[in-house]
Amino acid sequence: MFPQPGVPVKAAVVSSFQAPPRYQDVPEPAGPAEQVVNVLASALHPRVRSQANGSHYTSTEDLPLVPGIDGVGRRADGSLVYFVLPHTRHGAMAERVAIDPRRAVPLPAGTDPVLVAAAMNPAMSSWLALRHRTAFVAGQEVLVLGATGNAGRMAVEMARHLGAAHVTVVGRGAARLAQLTELGADRVVDLAGDPRTADEDLAAAGADVDVVLDYLWGEPTARALRAIVPARRDDARLLTWVQIGSVAGPESRIPSAALRATRLQLVGSGQGSVSPRTIVGALPDLASLIDAGTFTTNARTVPLADVEAAWQEAPGSAERLVLVP
């Protein structure tokens, strides 16, 4: 059980990796060099789901745990703060949480806590990938593999915001993919359509692409590489493939020829490959962009008390569920 003493607070508690969290009492966490904040909003995104089911690469066997890796809170002085938590069993999906001030950034008065909590994690994935894991410059071409999820949709807008000259979106579902043209996509590739047509579209899209933001991995990545590498118009042109998510599988059978036949660079972007200092350093600018309405965010609030029901909603919706007190 949780070892800390303290006044009980309500939280989402994971007691089994095979079951959704339940709304229960936990001791209020506290510790040196930390601040306890009232949590105003914490989003339920894929990273949190993988934390709660034990499948994330940072997961341990320690249970119970409170999920949630980030959120917006109110300090004792009334000021707002966006925080990112380190590896901890006392996550953000609670009434109160202890934060490390070194992993938090102040927010202006009047900031919408739900908007910031909903958008920071998905926006951060493409922000860090394009600004810190590649040599991306304005005018280059970007392909988003797995573009219909929240992070993938935001990656389209992020690429445009940072100056991409051309953005291709790849995923499943013609209607959902078509919506991405309103966010800045130039070309759409539907993996659910005729396989030959989809592979031809991938080849055409990849002929001059500079950066691939990959939220899928698994077989779609192997398939995309098999289509794109032979179609490269200039094999000496750097193709940076950034592995961000793995919703299609944790392993991908990368064809060996892909690494020899063209100038391909495979990199990852996530905890570990991006330092905590870099992540925290990126937070103020990103929070300002989100609060200014730069990106499209479809957030829906859910009371923390209803976490068990919310958890069982099918993931993958264009909505971002945000837990609030």
C-alpha atoms as a PDB file:
ATOM      1  CA  MET A   1       0.000   0.000   0.000  1.00  0.00           C
ATOM      2  CA  PHE A   2       0.974   3.677  -0.136  1.00  0.00           C
ATOM      3  CA  PRO A   3       3.604   4.244   2.542  1.00  0.00           C
ATOM      4  CA  GLN A   4       3.066   7.973   3.185  1.00  0.00           C
ATOM      5  CA  PRO A   5       1.059   9.169   6.140  1.00  0.00           C
ATOM      6  CA  GLY A   6      -1.255  12.113   5.646  1.00  0.00           C
ATOM      7  CA  VAL A   7      -4.809  13.354   5.388  1.00  0.00           C
ATOM      8  CA  PRO A   8      -6.803  11.216   2.940  1.00  0.00           C
ATOM      9  CA  VAL A   9      -7.680  12.713  -0.441  1.00  0.00           C
ATOM     10  CA  LYS A  10      -9.718  11.250  -3.276  1.00  0.00           C
ATOM     11  CA  ALA A  11      -7.880   9.814  -6.252  1.00  0.00           C
ATOM     12  CA  ALA A  12      -8.049   7.360  -9.127  1.00  0.00           C
ATOM     13  CA  VAL A  13      -6.348   4.231  -7.822  1.00  0.00           C
ATOM     14  CA  VAL A  14      -4.972   1.372  -9.930  1.00  0.00           C
ATOM     15  CA  SER A  15      -4.879  -1.838  -7.900  1.00  0.00           C
ATOM     16  CA  SER A  16      -4.612  -4.207 -10.878  1.00  0.00           C
ATOM     17  CA  PHE A  17      -3.133  -3.722 -14.331  1.00  0.00           C
ATOM     18  CA  GLN A  18      -6.120  -5.650 -15.694  1.00  0.00           C
ATOM     19  CA  ALA A  19      -8.783  -3.329 -14.250  1.00  0.00           C
ATOM     20  CA  PRO A  20      -9.614   0.374 -14.569  1.00  0.00           C
ATOM     21  CA  PRO A  21      -8.789   2.756 -11.718  1.00  0.00           C
ATOM     22  CA  ARG A  22     -11.340   3.248  -8.970  1.00  0.00           C
ATOM     23  CA  TYR A  23     -12.232   6.389  -7.042  1.00  0.00           C
ATOM     24  CA  GLN A  24     -10.777   5.864  -3.566  1.00  0.00           C
ATOM     25  CA  ASP A  25      -9.047   7.521  -0.632  1.00  0.00           C
ATOM     26  CA  VAL A  26      -5.258   7.807  -0.601  1.00  0.00           C
ATOM     27  CA  PRO A  27      -2.949   9.635   1.816  1.00  0.00           C
ATOM     28  CA  GLU A  28      -1.996  13.100   0.665  1.00  0.00           C
ATOM     29  CA  PRO A  29       1.598  12.880  -0.596  1.00  0.00           C
ATOM     30  CA  ALA A  30       4.210  15.316   0.628  1.00  0.00           C
ATOM     31  CA  GLY A  31       7.969  15.514   0.661  1.00  0.00           C
ATOM     32  CA  PRO A  32      10.996  17.755   0.787  1.00  0.00           C
ATOM     33  CA  ALA A  33      11.509  20.314  -1.970  1.00  0.00           C
ATOM     34  CA  GLU A  34       7.979  19.724  -3.210  1.00  0.00           C
ATOM     35  CA  GLN A  35       4.782  21.663  -3.187  1.00  0.00           C
ATOM     36  CA  VAL A  36       1.296  20.300  -2.746  1.00  0.00           C
ATOM     37  CA  VAL A  37      -1.191  21.736  -5.237  1.00  0.00           C
ATOM     38  CA  ASN A  38      -4.912  21.358  -5.752  1.00  0.00           C
ATOM     39  CA  VAL A  39      -5.306  19.573  -9.067  1.00  0.00           C
ATOM     40  CA  LEU A  40      -7.650  21.432 -11.418  1.00  0.00           C
ATOM     41  CA  ALA A  41      -7.321  19.233 -14.499  1.00  0.00           C
ATOM     42  CA  SER A  42      -5.425  16.137 -15.667  1.00  0.00           C
ATOM     43  CA  ALA A  43      -5.914  14.536 -19.081  1.00  0.00           C
ATOM     44  CA  LEU A  44      -6.512  10.882 -19.871  1.00  0.00           C
ATOM     45  CA  HIS A  45      -4.213  10.275 -22.819  1.00  0.00           C
ATOM     46  CA  PRO A  46      -2.589   7.087 -24.210  1.00  0.00           C
ATOM     47  CA  ARG A  47       0.562   7.589 -22.144  1.00  0.00           C
ATOM     48  CA  VAL A  48      -1.541   7.523 -18.975  1.00  0.00           C
ATOM     49  CA  ARG A  49      -3.431   4.434 -20.100  1.00  0.00           C
ATOM     50  CA  SER A  50      -0.153   2.595 -20.704  1.00  0.00           C
ATOM     51  CA  GLN A  51       1.045   3.670 -17.270  1.00  0.00           C
ATOM     52  CA  ALA A  52      -2.120   2.280 -15.690  1.00  0.00           C
ATOM     53  CA  ASN A  53      -2.039  -1.053 -17.517  1.00  0.00           C
ATOM     54  CA  GLY A  54       1.686  -1.605 -16.957  1.00  0.00           C
ATOM     55  CA  SER A  55       2.629  -1.606 -20.638  1.00  0.00           C
ATOM     56  CA  HIS A  56       4.707   1.586 -20.807  1.00  0.00           C
ATOM     57  CA  TYR A  57       8.464   1.085 -21.007  1.00  0.00           C
ATOM     58  CA  THR A  58       8.924   3.009 -17.767  1.00  0.00           C
ATOM     59  CA  SER A  59       6.383   0.874 -15.863  1.00  0.00           C
ATOM     60  CA  THR A  60       7.258  -1.172 -12.801  1.00  0.00           C
ATOM     61  CA  GLU A  61       5.324  -3.856 -10.937  1.00  0.00           C
ATOM     62  CA  ASP A  62       4.585  -1.555  -7.997  1.00  0.00           C
ATOM     63  CA  LEU A  63       0.897  -1.304  -7.123  1.00  0.00           C
ATOM     64  CA  PRO A  64      -1.280   0.401  -6.133  1.00  0.00           C
ATOM     65  CA  LEU A  65      -0.640   3.610  -8.035  1.00  0.00           C
ATOM     66  CA  VAL A  66      -2.415   6.812  -8.920  1.00  0.00           C
ATOM     67  CA  PRO A  67      -2.103   7.415 -12.688  1.00  0.00           C
ATOM     68  CA  GLY A  68      -1.539  10.731 -14.403  1.00  0.00           C
ATOM     69  CA  ILE A  69       1.776  12.233 -15.470  1.00  0.00           C
ATOM     70  CA  ASP A  70       0.869  15.905 -15.819  1.00  0.00           C
ATOM     71  CA  GLY A  71      -1.808  18.456 -15.107  1.00  0.00           C
ATOM     72  CA  VAL A  72      -2.725  21.946 -14.045  1.00  0.00           C
ATOM     73  CA  GLY A  73      -2.862  22.814 -10.352  1.00  0.00           C
ATOM     74  CA  ARG A  74      -3.419  25.730  -8.026  1.00  0.00           C
ATOM     75  CA  ARG A  75      -0.768  26.587  -5.456  1.00  0.00           C
ATOM     76  CA  ALA A  76      -1.557  27.726  -1.929  1.00  0.00           C
ATOM     77  CA  ASP A  77      -1.093  31.345  -3.009  1.00  0.00           C
ATOM     78  CA  GLY A  78      -3.767  30.946  -5.690  1.00  0.00           C
ATOM     79  CA  SER A  79      -1.416  30.922  -8.691  1.00  0.00           C
ATOM     80  CA  LEU A  80      -1.771  28.402 -11.500  1.00  0.00           C
ATOM     81  CA  VAL A  81       0.946  25.980 -12.531  1.00  0.00           C
ATOM     82  CA  TYR A  82       1.372  23.320 -15.195  1.00  0.00           C
ATOM     83  CA  PHE A  83       3.379  20.398 -13.869  1.00  0.00           C
ATOM     84  CA  VAL A  84       5.007  17.238 -15.165  1.00  0.00           C
ATOM     85  CA  LEU A  85       5.575  14.451 -12.678  1.00  0.00           C
ATOM     86  CA  PRO A  86       8.654  12.212 -12.459  1.00  0.00           C
ATOM     87  CA  HIS A  87       8.282   8.437 -12.205  1.00  0.00           C
ATOM     88  CA  THR A  88       5.928   8.160  -9.260  1.00  0.00           C
ATOM     89  CA  ARG A  89       3.087   6.087  -7.871  1.00  0.00           C
ATOM     90  CA  HIS A  90       1.351   9.291  -6.795  1.00  0.00           C
ATOM     91  CA  GLY A  91       0.108  10.645 -10.109  1.00  0.00           C
ATOM     92  CA  ALA A  92      -1.937  13.656 -11.107  1.00  0.00           C
ATOM     93  CA  MET A  93      -5.382  12.039 -11.046  1.00  0.00           C
ATOM     94  CA  ALA A  94      -6.083  13.052  -7.482  1.00  0.00           C
ATOM     95  CA  GLU A  95      -7.582  15.991  -5.633  1.00  0.00           C
ATOM     96  CA  ARG A  96      -4.126  17.042  -4.509  1.00  0.00           C
ATOM     97  CA  VAL A  97      -0.638  16.075  -5.587  1.00  0.00           C
ATOM     98  CA  ALA A  98       2.945  16.883  -4.634  1.00  0.00           C
ATOM     99  CA  ILE A  99       4.904  18.456  -7.472  1.00  0.00           C
ATOM    100  CA  ASP A 100       8.575  19.231  -7.984  1.00  0.00           C
ATOM    101  CA  PRO A 101       8.892  22.982  -8.719  1.00  0.00           C
ATOM    102  CA  ARG A 102      11.740  22.202 -11.104  1.00  0.00           C
ATOM    103  CA  ARG A 103       9.249  20.323 -13.304  1.00  0.00           C
ATOM    104  CA  ALA A 104       6.575  23.002 -13.258  1.00  0.00           C
ATOM    105  CA  VAL A 105       5.921  26.289 -15.009  1.00  0.00           C
ATOM    106  CA  PRO A 106       3.679  29.124 -13.834  1.00  0.00           C
ATOM    107  CA  LEU A 107       0.631  29.960 -15.915  1.00  0.00           C
ATOM    108  CA  PRO A 108      -0.920  33.409 -16.287  1.00  0.00           C
ATOM    109  CA  ALA A 109      -4.061  34.185 -14.338  1.00  0.00           C
ATOM    110  CA  GLY A 110      -7.058  33.446 -16.517  1.00  0.00           C
ATOM    111  CA  THR A 111      -5.452  30.450 -18.242  1.00  0.00           C
ATOM    112  CA  ASP A 112      -7.977  27.716 -19.038  1.00  0.00           C
ATOM    113  CA  PRO A 113      -6.750  24.716 -16.965  1.00  0.00           C
ATOM    114  CA  VAL A 114      -8.749  22.204 -19.017  1.00  0.00           C
ATOM    115  CA  LEU A 115      -7.380  23.464 -22.333  1.00  0.00           C
ATOM    116  CA  VAL A 116      -3.761  23.349 -21.163  1.00  0.00           C
ATOM    117  CA  ALA A 117      -4.139  19.944 -19.481  1.00  0.00           C
ATOM    118  CA  ALA A 118      -5.793  18.514 -22.599  1.00  0.00           C
ATOM    119  CA  ALA A 119      -3.290  19.802 -25.134  1.00  0.00           C
ATOM    120  CA  MET A 120       0.148  19.847 -23.532  1.00  0.00           C
ATOM    121  CA  ASN A 121       0.944  16.147 -23.755  1.00  0.00           C
ATOM    122  CA  PRO A 122      -0.145  15.561 -27.378  1.00  0.00           C
ATOM    123  CA  ALA A 123       1.372  18.855 -28.518  1.00  0.00           C
ATOM    124  CA  MET A 124       4.628  18.129 -26.721  1.00  0.00           C
ATOM    125  CA  SER A 125       5.183  14.923 -28.686  1.00  0.00           C
ATOM    126  CA  SER A 126       5.524  16.663 -32.047  1.00  0.00           C
ATOM    127  CA  TRP A 127       7.040  19.841 -30.557  1.00  0.00           C
ATOM    128  CA  LEU A 128       9.945  17.902 -29.045  1.00  0.00           C
ATOM    129  CA  ALA A 129      10.313  15.657 -32.084  1.00  0.00           C
ATOM    130  CA  LEU A 130      10.546  18.510 -34.566  1.00  0.00           C
ATOM    131  CA  ARG A 131      12.549  20.902 -32.413  1.00  0.00           C
ATOM    132  CA  HIS A 132      14.862  18.578 -30.496  1.00  0.00           C
ATOM    133  CA  ARG A 133      15.072  15.171 -32.195  1.00  0.00           C
ATOM    134  CA  THR A 134      15.470  16.269 -35.815  1.00  0.00           C
ATOM    135  CA  ALA A 135      17.209  19.020 -37.734  1.00  0.00           C
ATOM    136  CA  PHE A 136      13.839  20.127 -39.116  1.00  0.00           C
ATOM    137  CA  VAL A 137      13.732  23.559 -40.736  1.00  0.00           C
ATOM    138  CA  ALA A 138      10.907  25.549 -42.236  1.00  0.00           C
ATOM    139  CA  GLY A 139      10.191  24.559 -45.827  1.00  0.00           C
ATOM    140  CA  GLN A 140      10.701  20.820 -45.356  1.00  0.00           C
ATOM    141  CA  GLU A 141       8.082  18.106 -45.850  1.00  0.00           C
ATOM    142  CA  VAL A 142       6.532  16.126 -42.989  1.00  0.00           C
ATOM    143  CA  LEU A 143       4.554  12.870 -42.955  1.00  0.00           C
ATOM    144  CA  VAL A 144       2.466  11.978 -39.893  1.00  0.00           C
ATOM    145  CA  LEU A 145       1.982   8.217 -39.553  1.00  0.00           C
ATOM    146  CA  GLY A 146      -1.018   7.648 -37.304  1.00  0.00           C
ATOM    147  CA  ALA A 147      -2.550  11.073 -37.774  1.00  0.00           C
ATOM    148  CA  THR A 148      -6.109  10.467 -36.592  1.00  0.00           C
ATOM    149  CA  GLY A 149      -5.345  10.285 -32.858  1.00  0.00           C
ATOM    150  CA  ASN A 150      -5.137  13.381 -30.688  1.00  0.00           C
ATOM    151  CA  ALA A 151      -1.347  13.623 -30.845  1.00  0.00           C
ATOM    152  CA  GLY A 152      -1.279  12.893 -34.580  1.00  0.00           C
ATOM    153  CA  ARG A 153      -3.923  15.518 -35.309  1.00  0.00           C
ATOM    154  CA  MET A 154      -1.988  18.078 -33.315  1.00  0.00           C
ATOM    155  CA  ALA A 155       1.223  17.084 -35.106  1.00  0.00           C
ATOM    156  CA  VAL A 156      -0.341  18.299 -38.355  1.00  0.00           C
ATOM    157  CA  GLU A 157      -0.940  21.732 -36.872  1.00  0.00           C
ATOM    158  CA  MET A 158       2.452  21.727 -35.175  1.00  0.00           C
ATOM    159  CA  ALA A 159       4.263  20.972 -38.426  1.00  0.00           C
ATOM    160  CA  ARG A 160       2.418  23.807 -40.128  1.00  0.00           C
ATOM    161  CA  HIS A 161       3.090  26.162 -37.235  1.00  0.00           C
ATOM    162  CA  LEU A 162       6.814  25.433 -37.457  1.00  0.00           C
ATOM    163  CA  GLY A 163       6.855  26.056 -41.196  1.00  0.00           C
ATOM    164  CA  ALA A 164       6.413  22.728 -42.967  1.00  0.00           C
ATOM    165  CA  ALA A 165       5.914  23.254 -46.683  1.00  0.00           C
ATOM    166  CA  HIS A 166       3.913  20.050 -47.161  1.00  0.00           C
ATOM    167  CA  VAL A 167       2.194  17.705 -44.696  1.00  0.00           C
ATOM    168  CA  THR A 168       0.975  14.187 -45.500  1.00  0.00           C
ATOM    169  CA  VAL A 169      -1.316  12.345 -43.075  1.00  0.00           C
ATOM    170  CA  VAL A 170      -1.500   8.555 -42.923  1.00  0.00           C
ATOM    171  CA  GLY A 171      -4.006   6.511 -40.961  1.00  0.00           C
ATOM    172  CA  ARG A 172      -7.301   4.649 -41.157  1.00  0.00           C
ATOM    173  CA  GLY A 173     -10.757   6.026 -41.864  1.00  0.00           C
ATOM    174  CA  ALA A 174     -11.434   8.224 -44.875  1.00  0.00           C
ATOM    175  CA  ALA A 175     -13.771  10.579 -43.024  1.00  0.00           C
ATOM    176  CA  ARG A 176     -11.400  11.201 -40.118  1.00  0.00           C
ATOM    177  CA  LEU A 177      -8.436  11.645 -42.442  1.00  0.00           C
ATOM    178  CA  ALA A 178     -10.372  14.078 -44.626  1.00  0.00           C
ATOM    179  CA  GLN A 179     -10.982  16.284 -41.587  1.00  0.00           C
ATOM    180  CA  LEU A 180      -7.233  16.762 -41.278  1.00  0.00           C
ATOM    181  CA  THR A 181      -7.111  18.792 -44.477  1.00  0.00           C
ATOM    182  CA  GLU A 182      -8.863  21.536 -42.486  1.00  0.00           C
ATOM    183  CA  LEU A 183      -5.926  21.449 -40.044  1.00  0.00           C
ATOM    184  CA  GLY A 184      -3.310  21.832 -42.764  1.00  0.00           C
ATOM    185  CA  ALA A 185      -2.775  18.409 -44.370  1.00  0.00           C
ATOM    186  CA  ASP A 186      -2.022  18.467 -48.113  1.00  0.00           C
ATOM    187  CA  ARG A 187      -2.196  14.746 -48.844  1.00  0.00           C
ATOM    188  CA  VAL A 188      -4.171  11.900 -47.287  1.00  0.00           C
ATOM    189  CA  VAL A 189      -3.217   8.196 -47.302  1.00  0.00           C
ATOM    190  CA  ASP A 190      -5.826   5.745 -46.021  1.00  0.00           C
ATOM    191  CA  LEU A 191      -4.268   2.462 -44.892  1.00  0.00           C
ATOM    192  CA  ALA A 192      -7.745   0.905 -44.674  1.00  0.00           C
ATOM    193  CA  GLY A 193      -8.366   1.220 -48.399  1.00  0.00           C
ATOM    194  CA  ASP A 194      -7.183  -0.918 -51.302  1.00  0.00           C
ATOM    195  CA  PRO A 195      -3.676  -2.126 -50.306  1.00  0.00           C
ATOM    196  CA  ARG A 196      -2.147  -1.461 -53.718  1.00  0.00           C
ATOM    197  CA  THR A 197      -3.548   2.049 -53.862  1.00  0.00           C
ATOM    198  CA  ALA A 198      -2.439   2.769 -50.304  1.00  0.00           C
ATOM    199  CA  ASP A 199       1.115   1.603 -51.043  1.00  0.00           C
ATOM    200  CA  GLU A 200       1.226   3.705 -54.208  1.00  0.00           C
ATOM    201  CA  ASP A 201       0.038   6.706 -52.219  1.00  0.00           C
ATOM    202  CA  LEU A 202       2.693   6.062 -49.570  1.00  0.00           C
ATOM    203  CA  ALA A 203       5.370   5.896 -52.241  1.00  0.00           C
ATOM    204  CA  ALA A 204       4.244   9.166 -53.780  1.00  0.00           C
ATOM    205  CA  ALA A 205       4.038  10.871 -50.397  1.00  0.00           C
ATOM    206  CA  GLY A 206       7.462   9.641 -49.326  1.00  0.00           C
ATOM    207  CA  ALA A 207       9.408  10.492 -52.456  1.00  0.00           C
ATOM    208  CA  ASP A 208      10.566  13.841 -51.068  1.00  0.00           C
ATOM    209  CA  VAL A 209       9.546  13.716 -47.413  1.00  0.00           C
ATOM    210  CA  ASP A 210      12.127  14.917 -44.882  1.00  0.00           C
ATOM    211  CA  VAL A 211      10.611  13.911 -41.526  1.00  0.00           C
ATOM    212  CA  VAL A 212       8.205  11.131 -40.540  1.00  0.00           C
ATOM    213  CA  LEU A 213       6.459  11.461 -37.172  1.00  0.00           C
ATOM    214  CA  ASP A 214       5.506   7.872 -36.360  1.00  0.00           C
ATOM    215  CA  TYR A 215       2.764   7.279 -33.788  1.00  0.00           C
ATOM    216  CA  LEU A 216       2.015   3.703 -34.966  1.00  0.00           C
ATOM    217  CA  TRP A 217       5.141   1.531 -35.280  1.00  0.00           C
ATOM    218  CA  GLY A 218       4.409  -2.195 -35.732  1.00  0.00           C
ATOM    219  CA  GLU A 219       3.427  -3.437 -39.198  1.00  0.00           C
ATOM    220  CA  PRO A 220       2.353  -0.005 -40.547  1.00  0.00           C
ATOM    221  CA  THR A 221       5.898   1.285 -40.131  1.00  0.00           C
ATOM    222  CA  ALA A 222       7.422  -1.704 -41.935  1.00  0.00           C
ATOM    223  CA  ARG A 223       4.835  -1.339 -44.681  1.00  0.00           C
ATOM    224  CA  ALA A 224       5.468   2.384 -45.069  1.00  0.00           C
ATOM    225  CA  LEU A 225       9.230   1.882 -45.286  1.00  0.00           C
ATOM    226  CA  ARG A 226       8.827  -0.838 -47.916  1.00  0.00           C
ATOM    227  CA  ALA A 227       6.786   1.584 -50.011  1.00  0.00           C
ATOM    228  CA  ILE A 228       8.737   4.779 -49.413  1.00  0.00           C
ATOM    229  CA  VAL A 229      12.408   3.752 -49.595  1.00  0.00           C
ATOM    230  CA  PRO A 230      12.368   2.501 -53.230  1.00  0.00           C
ATOM    231  CA  ALA A 231      10.425   5.612 -54.233  1.00  0.00           C
ATOM    232  CA  ARG A 232      12.908   8.161 -52.862  1.00  0.00           C
ATOM    233  CA  ARG A 233      13.672  10.696 -55.566  1.00  0.00           C
ATOM    234  CA  ASP A 234      17.098  11.423 -54.072  1.00  0.00           C
ATOM    235  CA  ASP A 235      18.661   8.700 -51.929  1.00  0.00           C
ATOM    236  CA  ALA A 236      21.166  11.195 -50.522  1.00  0.00           C
ATOM    237  CA  ARG A 237      18.370  13.344 -49.088  1.00  0.00           C
ATOM    238  CA  LEU A 238      18.109  12.743 -45.345  1.00  0.00           C
ATOM    239  CA  LEU A 239      14.932  11.026 -44.186  1.00  0.00           C
ATOM    240  CA  THR A 240      14.528  11.269 -40.410  1.00  0.00           C
ATOM    241  CA  TRP A 241      12.030   8.771 -39.025  1.00  0.00           C
ATOM    242  CA  VAL A 242      10.969   9.713 -35.497  1.00  0.00           C
ATOM    243  CA  GLN A 243       9.410   6.915 -33.444  1.00  0.00           C
ATOM    244  CA  ILE A 244       6.995   8.524 -30.966  1.00  0.00           C
ATOM    245  CA  GLY A 245       4.184   6.034 -30.287  1.00  0.00           C
ATOM    246  CA  SER A 246       3.501   2.341 -30.753  1.00  0.00           C
ATOM    247  CA  VAL A 247      -0.275   1.960 -30.887  1.00  0.00           C
ATOM    248  CA  ALA A 248       0.068  -0.623 -33.689  1.00  0.00           C
ATOM    249  CA  GLY A 249       2.601  -2.745 -31.806  1.00  0.00           C
ATOM    250  CA  PRO A 250       5.815  -2.482 -29.776  1.00  0.00           C
ATOM    251  CA  GLU A 251       7.931  -4.148 -32.467  1.00  0.00           C
ATOM    252  CA  SER A 252       8.368  -3.497 -36.179  1.00  0.00           C
ATOM    253  CA  ARG A 253      10.102  -5.693 -38.760  1.00  0.00           C
ATOM    254  CA  ILE A 254      12.233  -3.036 -40.405  1.00  0.00           C
ATOM    255  CA  PRO A 255      13.584  -4.238 -43.772  1.00  0.00           C
ATOM    256  CA  SER A 256      17.376  -4.193 -43.637  1.00  0.00           C
ATOM    257  CA  ALA A 257      17.594  -2.720 -47.138  1.00  0.00           C
ATOM    258  CA  ALA A 258      15.823   0.403 -45.880  1.00  0.00           C
ATOM    259  CA  LEU A 259      18.905   1.270 -43.843  1.00  0.00           C
ATOM    260  CA  ARG A 260      21.251   0.741 -46.786  1.00  0.00           C
ATOM    261  CA  ALA A 261      19.317   1.921 -49.812  1.00  0.00           C
ATOM    262  CA  THR A 262      18.694   5.492 -48.715  1.00  0.00           C
ATOM    263  CA  ARG A 263      19.923   8.017 -46.174  1.00  0.00           C
ATOM    264  CA  LEU A 264      17.567   6.933 -43.403  1.00  0.00           C
ATOM    265  CA  GLN A 265      17.926   8.017 -39.797  1.00  0.00           C
ATOM    266  CA  LEU A 266      15.795   6.253 -37.170  1.00  0.00           C
ATOM    267  CA  VAL A 267      15.435   8.108 -33.875  1.00  0.00           C
ATOM    268  CA  GLY A 268      13.063   8.009 -30.930  1.00  0.00           C
ATOM    269  CA  SER A 269      11.433  10.841 -29.046  1.00  0.00           C
ATOM    270  CA  GLY A 270      10.228  10.320 -25.495  1.00  0.00           C
ATOM    271  CA  GLN A 271      11.274  10.051 -21.874  1.00  0.00           C
ATOM    272  CA  GLY A 272      14.972   9.252 -21.819  1.00  0.00           C
ATOM    273  CA  SER A 273      15.794  10.236 -25.384  1.00  0.00           C
ATOM    274  CA  VAL A 274      14.725  13.765 -24.450  1.00  0.00           C
ATOM    275  CA  SER A 275      16.155  14.994 -21.147  1.00  0.00           C
ATOM    276  CA  PRO A 276      13.912  16.300 -18.348  1.00  0.00           C
ATOM    277  CA  ARG A 277      15.691  19.648 -18.620  1.00  0.00           C
ATOM    278  CA  THR A 278      14.819  19.891 -22.314  1.00  0.00           C
ATOM    279  CA  ILE A 279      11.206  18.935 -21.678  1.00  0.00           C
ATOM    280  CA  VAL A 280      10.779  21.441 -18.866  1.00  0.00           C
ATOM    281  CA  GLY A 281      12.519  24.113 -20.929  1.00  0.00           C
ATOM    282  CA  ALA A 282       9.963  23.633 -23.691  1.00  0.00           C
ATOM    283  CA  LEU A 283       6.939  24.018 -21.432  1.00  0.00           C
ATOM    284  CA  PRO A 284       6.541  27.815 -21.151  1.00  0.00           C
ATOM    285  CA  ASP A 285       6.498  28.504 -24.898  1.00  0.00           C
ATOM    286  CA  LEU A 286       4.228  25.565 -25.593  1.00  0.00           C
ATOM    287  CA  ALA A 287       1.803  26.505 -22.826  1.00  0.00           C
ATOM    288  CA  SER A 288       1.603  30.033 -24.235  1.00  0.00           C
ATOM    289  CA  LEU A 289       0.815  28.735 -27.723  1.00  0.00           C
ATOM    290  CA  ILE A 290      -1.902  26.450 -26.399  1.00  0.00           C
ATOM    291  CA  ASP A 291      -3.484  29.128 -24.228  1.00  0.00           C
ATOM    292  CA  ALA A 292      -3.505  31.453 -27.253  1.00  0.00           C
ATOM    293  CA  GLY A 293      -5.609  28.933 -29.184  1.00  0.00           C
ATOM    294  CA  THR A 294      -2.884  28.053 -31.696  1.00  0.00           C
ATOM    295  CA  PHE A 295      -3.971  24.416 -31.871  1.00  0.00           C
ATOM    296  CA  THR A 296      -7.353  22.754 -32.151  1.00  0.00           C
ATOM    297  CA  THR A 297      -8.261  21.032 -28.886  1.00  0.00           C
ATOM    298  CA  ASN A 298     -11.476  19.088 -28.381  1.00  0.00           C
ATOM    299  CA  ALA A 299     -11.594  18.575 -24.619  1.00  0.00           C
ATOM    300  CA  ARG A 300     -14.397  17.029 -22.580  1.00  0.00           C
ATOM    301  CA  THR A 301     -14.362  17.206 -18.805  1.00  0.00           C
ATOM    302  CA  VAL A 302     -15.188  14.211 -16.624  1.00  0.00           C
ATOM    303  CA  PRO A 303     -15.526  14.347 -12.819  1.00  0.00           C
ATOM    304  CA  LEU A 304     -12.715  12.513 -11.052  1.00  0.00           C
ATOM    305  CA  ALA A 305     -15.385  10.506  -9.250  1.00  0.00           C
ATOM    306  CA  ASP A 306     -16.408   9.012 -12.630  1.00  0.00           C
ATOM    307  CA  VAL A 307     -12.911   7.844 -13.548  1.00  0.00           C
ATOM    308  CA  GLU A 308     -13.839   4.151 -13.680  1.00  0.00           C
ATOM    309  CA  ALA A 309     -16.550   4.729 -16.288  1.00  0.00           C
ATOM    310  CA  ALA A 310     -14.420   7.199 -18.259  1.00  0.00           C
ATOM    311  CA  TRP A 311     -11.558   4.710 -18.402  1.00  0.00           C
ATOM    312  CA  GLN A 312     -13.745   2.162 -20.136  1.00  0.00           C
ATOM    313  CA  GLU A 313     -14.658   4.482 -22.991  1.00  0.00           C
ATOM    314  CA  ALA A 314     -13.009   3.344 -26.198  1.00  0.00           C
ATOM    315  CA  PRO A 315      -9.657   5.092 -26.701  1.00  0.00           C
ATOM    316  CA  GLY A 316      -8.875   6.771 -29.992  1.00  0.00           C
ATOM    317  CA  SER A 317     -11.675   9.342 -29.945  1.00  0.00           C
ATOM    318  CA  ALA A 318     -10.951  12.816 -31.269  1.00  0.00           C
ATOM    319  CA  GLU A 319     -12.079  14.040 -27.855  1.00  0.00           C
ATOM    320  CA  ARG A 320      -9.556  14.444 -25.069  1.00  0.00           C
ATOM    321  CA  LEU A 321     -10.991  13.391 -21.730  1.00  0.00           C
ATOM    322  CA  VAL A 322      -9.876  15.625 -18.877  1.00  0.00           C
ATOM    323  CA  LEU A 323     -10.495  14.660 -15.258  1.00  0.00           C
ATOM    324  CA  VAL A 324     -11.515  17.495 -12.969  1.00  0.00           C
ATOM    325  CA  PRO A 325     -12.370  17.599  -9.235  1.00  0.00           C
END
